[in-house]
Amino acid sequence: QRETAYPDGKVEKILKNGCHLIFFPNGTCKKVGSDGKTVTITF
């Protein structure tokens, strides 16, 4: 739905289903579920 790139290299994507994905420059990815309570971080 929306994608934002930050100066520190982090990229945030908001999906149409309500999930948030945050990609960090070191390869870590954080996914916040559409419920806002389920979080998965893949290092």
All heavy atoms as atom14 arrays in JSON, in Angstrom:
{
  "sequence": "QRETAYPDGKVEKILKNGCHLIFFPNGTCKKVGSDGKTVTITF",
  "atom14_mask": [
    [1, 1, 1, 1, 1, 1, 1, 1, 1, 0, 0, 0, 0, 0],
    [1, 1, 1, 1, 1, 1, 1, 1, 1, 1, 1, 0, 0, 0],
    [1, 1, 1, 1, 1, 1, 1, 1, 1, 0, 0, 0, 0, 0],
    [1, 1, 1, 1, 1, 1, 1, 0, 0, 0, 0, 0, 0, 0],
    [1, 1, 1, 1, 1, 0, 0, 0, 0, 0, 0, 0, 0, 0],
    [1, 1, 1, 1, 1, 1, 1, 1, 1, 1, 1, 1, 0, 0],
    [1, 1, 1, 1, 1, 1, 1, 0, 0, 0, 0, 0, 0, 0],
    [1, 1, 1, 1, 1, 1, 1, 1, 0, 0, 0, 0, 0, 0],
    [1, 1, 1, 1, 0, 0, 0, 0, 0, 0, 0, 0, 0, 0],
    [1, 1, 1, 1, 1, 1, 1, 1, 1, 0, 0, 0, 0, 0],
    [1, 1, 1, 1, 1, 1, 1, 0, 0, 0, 0, 0, 0, 0],
    [1, 1, 1, 1, 1, 1, 1, 1, 1, 0, 0, 0, 0, 0],
    [1, 1, 1, 1, 1, 1, 1, 1, 1, 0, 0, 0, 0, 0],
    [1, 1, 1, 1, 1, 1, 1, 1, 0, 0, 0, 0, 0, 0],
    [1, 1, 1, 1, 1, 1, 1, 1, 0, 0, 0, 0, 0, 0],
    [1, 1, 1, 1, 1, 1, 1, 1, 1, 0, 0, 0, 0, 0],
    [1, 1, 1, 1, 1, 1, 1, 1, 0, 0, 0, 0, 0, 0],
    [1, 1, 1, 1, 0, 0, 0, 0, 0, 0, 0, 0, 0, 0],
    [1, 1, 1, 1, 1, 1, 0, 0, 0, 0, 0, 0, 0, 0],
    [1, 1, 1, 1, 1, 1, 1, 1, 1, 1, 0, 0, 0, 0],
    [1, 1, 1, 1, 1, 1, 1, 1, 0, 0, 0, 0, 0, 0],
    [1, 1, 1, 1, 1, 1, 1, 1, 0, 0, 0, 0, 0, 0],
    [1, 1, 1, 1, 1, 1, 1, 1, 1, 1, 1, 0, 0, 0],
    [1, 1, 1, 1, 1, 1, 1, 1, 1, 1, 1, 0, 0, 0],
    [1, 1, 1, 1, 1, 1, 1, 0, 0, 0, 0, 0, 0, 0],
    [1, 1, 1, 1, 1, 1, 1, 1, 0, 0, 0, 0, 0, 0],
    [1, 1, 1, 1, 0, 0, 0, 0, 0, 0, 0, 0, 0, 0],
    [1, 1, 1, 1, 1, 1, 1, 0, 0, 0, 0, 0, 0, 0],
    [1, 1, 1, 1, 1, 1, 0, 0, 0, 0, 0, 0, 0, 0],
    [1, 1, 1, 1, 1, 1, 1, 1, 1, 0, 0, 0, 0, 0],
    [1, 1, 1, 1, 1, 1, 1, 1, 1, 0, 0, 0, 0, 0],
    [1, 1, 1, 1, 1, 1, 1, 0, 0, 0, 0, 0, 0, 0],
    [1, 1, 1, 1, 0, 0, 0, 0, 0, 0, 0, 0, 0, 0],
    [1, 1, 1, 1, 1, 1, 0, 0, 0, 0, 0, 0, 0, 0],
    [1, 1, 1, 1, 1, 1, 1, 1, 0, 0, 0, 0, 0, 0],
    [1, 1, 1, 1, 0, 0, 0, 0, 0, 0, 0, 0, 0, 0],
    [1, 1, 1, 1, 1, 1, 1, 1, 1, 0, 0, 0, 0, 0],
    [1, 1, 1, 1, 1, 1, 1, 0, 0, 0, 0, 0, 0, 0],
    [1, 1, 1, 1, 1, 1, 1, 0, 0, 0, 0, 0, 0, 0],
    [1, 1, 1, 1, 1, 1, 1, 0, 0, 0, 0, 0, 0, 0],
    [1, 1, 1, 1, 1, 1, 1, 1, 0, 0, 0, 0, 0, 0],
    [1, 1, 1, 1, 1, 1, 1, 0, 0, 0, 0, 0, 0, 0],
    [1, 1, 1, 1, 1, 1, 1, 1, 1, 1, 1, 0, 0, 0]
  ],
  "atom14_positions": [
    [[0.84, -1.19, 0.0], [0.0, 0.0, 0.0], [0.87, 1.24, 0.0], [0.6, 2.21, -0.7], [-0.91, -0.01, 1.23], [-1.86, 1.16, 1.33], [-2.75, 1.03, 2.55], [-3.15, -0.06, 2.92], [-3.05, 2.16, 3.18], [0.0, 0.0, 0.0], [0.0, 0.0, 0.0], [0.0, 0.0, 0.0], [0.0, 0.0, 0.0], [0.0, 0.0, 0.0]],
    [[1.97, 1.18, 0.82], [2.86, 2.33, 0.92], [4.27, 1.82, 1.25], [4.43, 0.86, 1.99], [2.36, 3.27, 2.02], [3.13, 4.58, 2.08], [2.55, 5.54, 3.11], [2.86, 5.06, 4.46], [2.02, 5.11, 5.48], [0.81, 5.59, 5.32], [2.38, 4.67, 6.66], [0.0, 0.0, 0.0], [0.0, 0.0, 0.0], [0.0, 0.0, 0.0]],
    [[5.27, 2.48, 0.7], [6.66, 2.12, 0.98], [7.42, 3.39, 1.31], [7.3, 4.39, 0.62], [7.29, 1.42, -0.22], [8.69, 0.94, 0.04], [9.25, 0.07, -1.09], [8.5, -0.75, -1.65], [10.44, 0.23, -1.39], [0.0, 0.0, 0.0], [0.0, 0.0, 0.0], [0.0, 0.0, 0.0], [0.0, 0.0, 0.0], [0.0, 0.0, 0.0]],
    [[8.22, 3.3, 2.42], [9.0, 4.46, 2.85], [10.45, 4.03, 3.04], [10.72, 3.04, 3.72], [8.47, 5.03, 4.18], [7.06, 5.23, 4.06], [9.15, 6.33, 4.54], [0.0, 0.0, 0.0], [0.0, 0.0, 0.0], [0.0, 0.0, 0.0], [0.0, 0.0, 0.0], [0.0, 0.0, 0.0], [0.0, 0.0, 0.0], [0.0, 0.0, 0.0]],
    [[11.37, 4.79, 2.43], [12.81, 4.55, 2.61], [13.34, 5.64, 3.53], [13.09, 6.83, 3.31], [13.53, 4.56, 1.28], [0.0, 0.0, 0.0], [0.0, 0.0, 0.0], [0.0, 0.0, 0.0], [0.0, 0.0, 0.0], [0.0, 0.0, 0.0], [0.0, 0.0, 0.0], [0.0, 0.0, 0.0], [0.0, 0.0, 0.0], [0.0, 0.0, 0.0]],
    [[14.08, 5.23, 4.57], [14.61, 6.18, 5.55], [16.09, 6.42, 5.27], [16.78, 5.59, 4.67], [14.41, 5.64, 6.97], [12.96, 5.51, 7.34], [12.26, 4.32, 7.15], [12.26, 6.59, 7.87], [10.92, 4.19, 7.49], [10.91, 6.48, 8.22], [10.25, 5.28, 8.02], [8.93, 5.17, 8.35], [0.0, 0.0, 0.0], [0.0, 0.0, 0.0]],
    [[16.62, 7.58, 5.75], [18.02, 7.93, 5.5], [19.02, 6.9, 6.07], [20.11, 6.73, 5.53], [18.2, 9.28, 6.19], [16.83, 9.83, 6.4], [15.9, 8.65, 6.44], [0.0, 0.0, 0.0], [0.0, 0.0, 0.0], [0.0, 0.0, 0.0], [0.0, 0.0, 0.0], [0.0, 0.0, 0.0], [0.0, 0.0, 0.0], [0.0, 0.0, 0.0]],
    [[18.62, 6.19, 7.14], [19.54, 5.21, 7.74], [19.57, 3.9, 6.98], [20.24, 2.95, 7.38], [19.18, 4.97, 9.22], [17.79, 4.37, 9.41], [17.09, 4.09, 8.4], [17.4, 4.16, 10.58], [0.0, 0.0, 0.0], [0.0, 0.0, 0.0], [0.0, 0.0, 0.0], [0.0, 0.0, 0.0], [0.0, 0.0, 0.0], [0.0, 0.0, 0.0]],
    [[18.83, 3.82, 5.86], [18.83, 2.62, 5.04], [17.68, 1.69, 5.31], [17.47, 0.7, 4.61], [0.0, 0.0, 0.0], [0.0, 0.0, 0.0], [0.0, 0.0, 0.0], [0.0, 0.0, 0.0], [0.0, 0.0, 0.0], [0.0, 0.0, 0.0], [0.0, 0.0, 0.0], [0.0, 0.0, 0.0], [0.0, 0.0, 0.0], [0.0, 0.0, 0.0]],
    [[16.9, 1.99, 6.33], [15.74, 1.17, 6.68], [14.63, 1.42, 5.66], [14.43, 2.55, 5.21], [15.31, 1.55, 8.1], [14.15, 0.77, 8.65], [13.94, 1.07, 10.14], [13.44, 2.49, 10.33], [13.15, 2.82, 11.72], [0.0, 0.0, 0.0], [0.0, 0.0, 0.0], [0.0, 0.0, 0.0], [0.0, 0.0, 0.0], [0.0, 0.0, 0.0]],
    [[13.9, 0.35, 5.31], [12.77, 0.47, 4.39], [11.54, -0.12, 5.07], [11.58, -1.23, 5.6], [13.05, -0.28, 3.06], [11.82, -0.25, 2.16], [14.26, 0.28, 2.36], [0.0, 0.0, 0.0], [0.0, 0.0, 0.0], [0.0, 0.0, 0.0], [0.0, 0.0, 0.0], [0.0, 0.0, 0.0], [0.0, 0.0, 0.0], [0.0, 0.0, 0.0]],
    [[10.44, 0.65, 5.06], [9.2, 0.18, 5.67], [8.15, 0.04, 4.59], [7.94, 0.93, 3.78], [8.72, 1.15, 6.74], [7.46, 0.69, 7.44], [7.03, 1.6, 8.59], [7.65, 2.66, 8.81], [6.06, 1.24, 9.27], [0.0, 0.0, 0.0], [0.0, 0.0, 0.0], [0.0, 0.0, 0.0], [0.0, 0.0, 0.0], [0.0, 0.0, 0.0]],
    [[7.49, -1.12, 4.6], [6.39, -1.36, 3.66], [5.13, -1.62, 4.46], [5.14, -2.4, 5.41], [6.67, -2.58, 2.78], [7.76, -2.4, 1.76], [7.88, -3.66, 0.91], [8.99, -3.49, -0.13], [9.06, -4.67, -1.01], [0.0, 0.0, 0.0], [0.0, 0.0, 0.0], [0.0, 0.0, 0.0], [0.0, 0.0, 0.0], [0.0, 0.0, 0.0]],
    [[4.07, -0.97, 4.08], [2.77, -1.25, 4.68], [1.96, -1.94, 3.6], [1.76, -1.41, 2.5], [2.08, 0.03, 5.16], [2.94, 0.69, 6.24], [0.68, -0.28, 5.69], [2.46, 2.04, 6.69], [0.0, 0.0, 0.0], [0.0, 0.0, 0.0], [0.0, 0.0, 0.0], [0.0, 0.0, 0.0], [0.0, 0.0, 0.0], [0.0, 0.0, 0.0]],
    [[1.55, -3.17, 3.91], [0.81, -3.96, 2.93], [-0.68, -3.67, 3.02], [-1.17, -3.19, 4.05], [1.09, -5.45, 3.17], [2.56, -5.88, 3.19], [2.67, -7.37, 3.41], [3.27, -5.49, 1.9], [0.0, 0.0, 0.0], [0.0, 0.0, 0.0], [0.0, 0.0, 0.0], [0.0, 0.0, 0.0], [0.0, 0.0, 0.0], [0.0, 0.0, 0.0]],
    [[-1.38, -3.99, 1.95], [-2.82, -3.73, 1.9], [-3.58, -4.52, 2.96], [-4.64, -4.1, 3.41], [-3.37, -4.02, 0.5], [-3.0, -2.94, -0.49], [-3.72, -3.08, -1.79], [-3.38, -1.88, -2.66], [-3.95, -2.0, -3.99], [0.0, 0.0, 0.0], [0.0, 0.0, 0.0], [0.0, 0.0, 0.0], [0.0, 0.0, 0.0], [0.0, 0.0, 0.0]],
    [[-3.03, -5.67, 3.39], [-3.7, -6.47, 4.41], [-3.47, -5.94, 5.82], [-3.94, -6.5, 6.79], [-3.29, -7.94, 4.31], [-1.84, -8.18, 4.68], [-1.11, -7.27, 5.1], [-1.39, -9.41, 4.51], [0.0, 0.0, 0.0], [0.0, 0.0, 0.0], [0.0, 0.0, 0.0], [0.0, 0.0, 0.0], [0.0, 0.0, 0.0], [0.0, 0.0, 0.0]],
    [[-2.69, -4.85, 5.95], [-2.45, -4.22, 7.24], [-1.13, -4.58, 7.89], [-0.77, -4.02, 8.93], [0.0, 0.0, 0.0], [0.0, 0.0, 0.0], [0.0, 0.0, 0.0], [0.0, 0.0, 0.0], [0.0, 0.0, 0.0], [0.0, 0.0, 0.0], [0.0, 0.0, 0.0], [0.0, 0.0, 0.0], [0.0, 0.0, 0.0], [0.0, 0.0, 0.0]],
    [[-0.4, -5.51, 7.31], [0.91, -5.89, 7.87], [1.93, -4.79, 7.59], [1.87, -4.11, 6.58], [1.41, -7.18, 7.25], [0.51, -8.64, 7.76], [0.0, 0.0, 0.0], [0.0, 0.0, 0.0], [0.0, 0.0, 0.0], [0.0, 0.0, 0.0], [0.0, 0.0, 0.0], [0.0, 0.0, 0.0], [0.0, 0.0, 0.0], [0.0, 0.0, 0.0]],
    [[2.88, -4.65, 8.52], [4.0, -3.73, 8.35], [5.26, -4.58, 8.2], [5.5, -5.48, 9.01], [4.18, -2.84, 9.58], [3.14, -1.79, 9.73], [3.43, -0.46, 9.77], [1.8, -1.88, 9.85], [2.31, 0.23, 9.92], [1.3, -0.63, 9.98], [0.0, 0.0, 0.0], [0.0, 0.0, 0.0], [0.0, 0.0, 0.0], [0.0, 0.0, 0.0]],
    [[6.08, -4.28, 7.22], [7.37, -4.93, 7.05], [8.45, -3.87, 7.15], [8.36, -2.83, 6.48], [7.46, -5.62, 5.68], [6.48, -6.75, 5.4], [6.61, -7.22, 3.95], [6.71, -7.9, 6.35], [0.0, 0.0, 0.0], [0.0, 0.0, 0.0], [0.0, 0.0, 0.0], [0.0, 0.0, 0.0], [0.0, 0.0, 0.0], [0.0, 0.0, 0.0]],
    [[9.45, -4.13, 7.98], [10.56, -3.2, 8.1], [11.84, -3.97, 7.78], [12.15, -4.98, 8.42], [10.65, -2.58, 9.51], [9.31, -1.89, 9.85], [11.8, -1.59, 9.61], [9.14, -1.55, 11.31], [0.0, 0.0, 0.0], [0.0, 0.0, 0.0], [0.0, 0.0, 0.0], [0.0, 0.0, 0.0], [0.0, 0.0, 0.0], [0.0, 0.0, 0.0]],
    [[12.56, -3.5, 6.77], [13.81, -4.13, 6.35], [14.96, -3.25, 6.81], [14.99, -2.06, 6.51], [13.84, -4.29, 4.82], [12.73, -5.15, 4.29], [11.52, -4.58, 3.87], [12.87, -6.53, 4.23], [10.49, -5.37, 3.4], [11.84, -7.32, 3.76], [10.64, -6.75, 3.34], [0.0, 0.0, 0.0], [0.0, 0.0, 0.0], [0.0, 0.0, 0.0]],
    [[15.9, -3.84, 7.54], [17.04, -3.1, 8.05], [18.25, -3.34, 7.15], [18.34, -4.4, 6.5], [17.35, -3.53, 9.49], [16.24, -3.2, 10.45], [15.19, -4.08, 10.67], [16.24, -1.98, 11.12], [14.16, -3.77, 11.54], [15.21, -1.67, 12.0], [14.16, -2.56, 12.21], [0.0, 0.0, 0.0], [0.0, 0.0, 0.0], [0.0, 0.0, 0.0]],
    [[19.19, -2.4, 7.11], [20.35, -2.54, 6.22], [21.2, -3.8, 6.49], [21.83, -4.32, 5.58], [21.17, -1.28, 6.5], [20.25, -0.32, 7.14], [19.18, -1.13, 7.82], [0.0, 0.0, 0.0], [0.0, 0.0, 0.0], [0.0, 0.0, 0.0], [0.0, 0.0, 0.0], [0.0, 0.0, 0.0], [0.0, 0.0, 0.0], [0.0, 0.0, 0.0]],
    [[21.19, -4.3, 7.72], [22.02, -5.48, 8.05], [21.36, -6.79, 7.62], [21.9, -7.86, 7.86], [22.35, -5.52, 9.54], [21.14, -5.79, 10.42], [20.01, -5.91, 9.95], [21.39, -5.87, 11.72], [0.0, 0.0, 0.0], [0.0, 0.0, 0.0], [0.0, 0.0, 0.0], [0.0, 0.0, 0.0], [0.0, 0.0, 0.0], [0.0, 0.0, 0.0]],
    [[20.14, -6.73, 7.02], [19.47, -7.94, 6.56], [18.37, -8.42, 7.49], [17.65, -9.36, 7.17], [0.0, 0.0, 0.0], [0.0, 0.0, 0.0], [0.0, 0.0, 0.0], [0.0, 0.0, 0.0], [0.0, 0.0, 0.0], [0.0, 0.0, 0.0], [0.0, 0.0, 0.0], [0.0, 0.0, 0.0], [0.0, 0.0, 0.0], [0.0, 0.0, 0.0]],
    [[18.21, -7.78, 8.63], [17.14, -8.14, 9.55], [15.81, -7.61, 9.02], [15.76, -6.53, 8.44], [17.42, -7.54, 10.95], [18.61, -8.16, 11.47], [16.28, -7.78, 11.92], [0.0, 0.0, 0.0], [0.0, 0.0, 0.0], [0.0, 0.0, 0.0], [0.0, 0.0, 0.0], [0.0, 0.0, 0.0], [0.0, 0.0, 0.0], [0.0, 0.0, 0.0]],
    [[14.75, -8.4, 9.21], [13.41, -8.0, 8.76], [12.44, -8.16, 9.92], [12.42, -9.17, 10.61], [12.97, -8.89, 7.59], [11.27, -8.62, 7.08], [0.0, 0.0, 0.0], [0.0, 0.0, 0.0], [0.0, 0.0, 0.0], [0.0, 0.0, 0.0], [0.0, 0.0, 0.0], [0.0, 0.0, 0.0], [0.0, 0.0, 0.0], [0.0, 0.0, 0.0]],
    [[11.63, -7.13, 10.13], [10.61, -7.16, 11.19], [9.24, -7.09, 10.52], [8.98, -6.21, 9.7], [10.8, -5.97, 12.13], [9.77, -5.9, 13.25], [10.08, -4.71, 14.18], [9.09, -4.63, 15.32], [9.42, -3.51, 16.23], [0.0, 0.0, 0.0], [0.0, 0.0, 0.0], [0.0, 0.0, 0.0], [0.0, 0.0, 0.0], [0.0, 0.0, 0.0]],
    [[8.37, -8.03, 10.89], [7.02, -8.06, 10.35], [6.04, -7.92, 11.51], [6.07, -8.7, 12.45], [6.75, -9.38, 9.62], [5.34, -9.5, 9.08], [5.12, -10.85, 8.39], [3.68, -10.95, 7.89], [3.43, -12.26, 7.26], [0.0, 0.0, 0.0], [0.0, 0.0, 0.0], [0.0, 0.0, 0.0], [0.0, 0.0, 0.0], [0.0, 0.0, 0.0]],
    [[5.19, -6.89, 11.43], [4.15, -6.7, 12.43], [2.85, -7.09, 11.76], [2.49, -6.53, 10.71], [4.11, -5.23, 12.92], [3.0, -5.04, 13.95], [5.46, -4.81, 13.49], [0.0, 0.0, 0.0], [0.0, 0.0, 0.0], [0.0, 0.0, 0.0], [0.0, 0.0, 0.0], [0.0, 0.0, 0.0], [0.0, 0.0, 0.0], [0.0, 0.0, 0.0]],
    [[2.16, -8.07, 12.36], [0.92, -8.57, 11.77], [-0.17, -7.51, 11.73], [-0.08, -6.48, 12.42], [0.0, 0.0, 0.0], [0.0, 0.0, 0.0], [0.0, 0.0, 0.0], [0.0, 0.0, 0.0], [0.0, 0.0, 0.0], [0.0, 0.0, 0.0], [0.0, 0.0, 0.0], [0.0, 0.0, 0.0], [0.0, 0.0, 0.0], [0.0, 0.0, 0.0]],
    [[-1.2, -7.75, 10.95], [-2.3, -6.79, 10.8], [-3.02, -6.55, 12.12], [-3.65, -5.51, 12.31], [-3.28, -7.27, 9.73], [-3.76, -8.56, 10.07], [0.0, 0.0, 0.0], [0.0, 0.0, 0.0], [0.0, 0.0, 0.0], [0.0, 0.0, 0.0], [0.0, 0.0, 0.0], [0.0, 0.0, 0.0], [0.0, 0.0, 0.0], [0.0, 0.0, 0.0]],
    [[-2.88, -7.5, 13.08], [-3.5, -7.3, 14.4], [-2.69, -6.35, 15.27], [-3.13, -5.94, 16.34], [-3.69, -8.64, 15.11], [-2.37, -9.38, 15.38], [-1.28, -8.83, 15.08], [-2.44, -10.51, 15.89], [0.0, 0.0, 0.0], [0.0, 0.0, 0.0], [0.0, 0.0, 0.0], [0.0, 0.0, 0.0], [0.0, 0.0, 0.0], [0.0, 0.0, 0.0]],
    [[-1.47, -6.02, 14.83], [-0.59, -5.13, 15.59], [0.04, -5.78, 16.79], [0.83, -5.17, 17.49], [0.0, 0.0, 0.0], [0.0, 0.0, 0.0], [0.0, 0.0, 0.0], [0.0, 0.0, 0.0], [0.0, 0.0, 0.0], [0.0, 0.0, 0.0], [0.0, 0.0, 0.0], [0.0, 0.0, 0.0], [0.0, 0.0, 0.0], [0.0, 0.0, 0.0]],
    [[-0.27, -7.05, 17.05], [0.22, -7.75, 18.24], [1.19, -8.88, 17.9], [1.99, -9.27, 18.74], [-0.96, -8.32, 19.04], [-1.88, -7.27, 19.58], [-3.05, -7.91, 20.32], [-4.0, -6.85, 20.86], [-5.15, -7.44, 21.52], [0.0, 0.0, 0.0], [0.0, 0.0, 0.0], [0.0, 0.0, 0.0], [0.0, 0.0, 0.0], [0.0, 0.0, 0.0]],
    [[1.1, -9.41, 16.71], [1.97, -10.51, 16.31], [3.18, -9.92, 15.59], [3.02, -9.23, 14.59], [1.24, -11.5, 15.38], [0.04, -11.93, 16.03], [2.11, -12.7, 15.05], [0.0, 0.0, 0.0], [0.0, 0.0, 0.0], [0.0, 0.0, 0.0], [0.0, 0.0, 0.0], [0.0, 0.0, 0.0], [0.0, 0.0, 0.0], [0.0, 0.0, 0.0]],
    [[4.36, -10.18, 16.15], [5.59, -9.62, 15.58], [6.55, -10.76, 15.28], [6.78, -11.63, 16.12], [6.25, -8.61, 16.55], [7.54, -8.05, 15.98], [5.29, -7.48, 16.9], [0.0, 0.0, 0.0], [0.0, 0.0, 0.0], [0.0, 0.0, 0.0], [0.0, 0.0, 0.0], [0.0, 0.0, 0.0], [0.0, 0.0, 0.0], [0.0, 0.0, 0.0]],
    [[7.12, -10.75, 14.09], [8.14, -11.73, 13.72], [9.37, -10.96, 13.25], [9.27, -10.14, 12.33], [7.64, -12.66, 12.6], [6.45, -13.31, 13.04], [8.69, -13.72, 12.26], [0.0, 0.0, 0.0], [0.0, 0.0, 0.0], [0.0, 0.0, 0.0], [0.0, 0.0, 0.0], [0.0, 0.0, 0.0], [0.0, 0.0, 0.0], [0.0, 0.0, 0.0]],
    [[10.5, -11.24, 13.89], [11.75, -10.61, 13.49], [12.67, -11.72, 12.98], [12.96, -12.68, 13.71], [12.42, -9.87, 14.66], [11.46, -8.83, 15.23], [13.74, -9.23, 14.21], [11.88, -8.26, 16.57], [0.0, 0.0, 0.0], [0.0, 0.0, 0.0], [0.0, 0.0, 0.0], [0.0, 0.0, 0.0], [0.0, 0.0, 0.0], [0.0, 0.0, 0.0]],
    [[13.09, -11.59, 11.74], [14.04, -12.54, 11.16], [15.38, -11.83, 11.09], [15.52, -10.83, 10.37], [13.58, -12.99, 9.76], [12.24, -13.51, 9.87], [14.5, -14.08, 9.2], [0.0, 0.0, 0.0], [0.0, 0.0, 0.0], [0.0, 0.0, 0.0], [0.0, 0.0, 0.0], [0.0, 0.0, 0.0], [0.0, 0.0, 0.0], [0.0, 0.0, 0.0]],
    [[16.34, -12.32, 11.86], [17.65, -11.67, 11.95], [18.55, -12.1, 10.8], [18.36, -13.16, 10.2], [18.3, -11.98, 13.31], [17.53, -11.41, 14.47], [16.61, -12.18, 15.15], [17.72, -10.1, 14.86], [15.89, -11.67, 16.22], [17.0, -9.57, 15.93], [16.09, -10.35, 16.61], [0.0, 0.0, 0.0], [0.0, 0.0, 0.0], [0.0, 0.0, 0.0]]
  ]
}
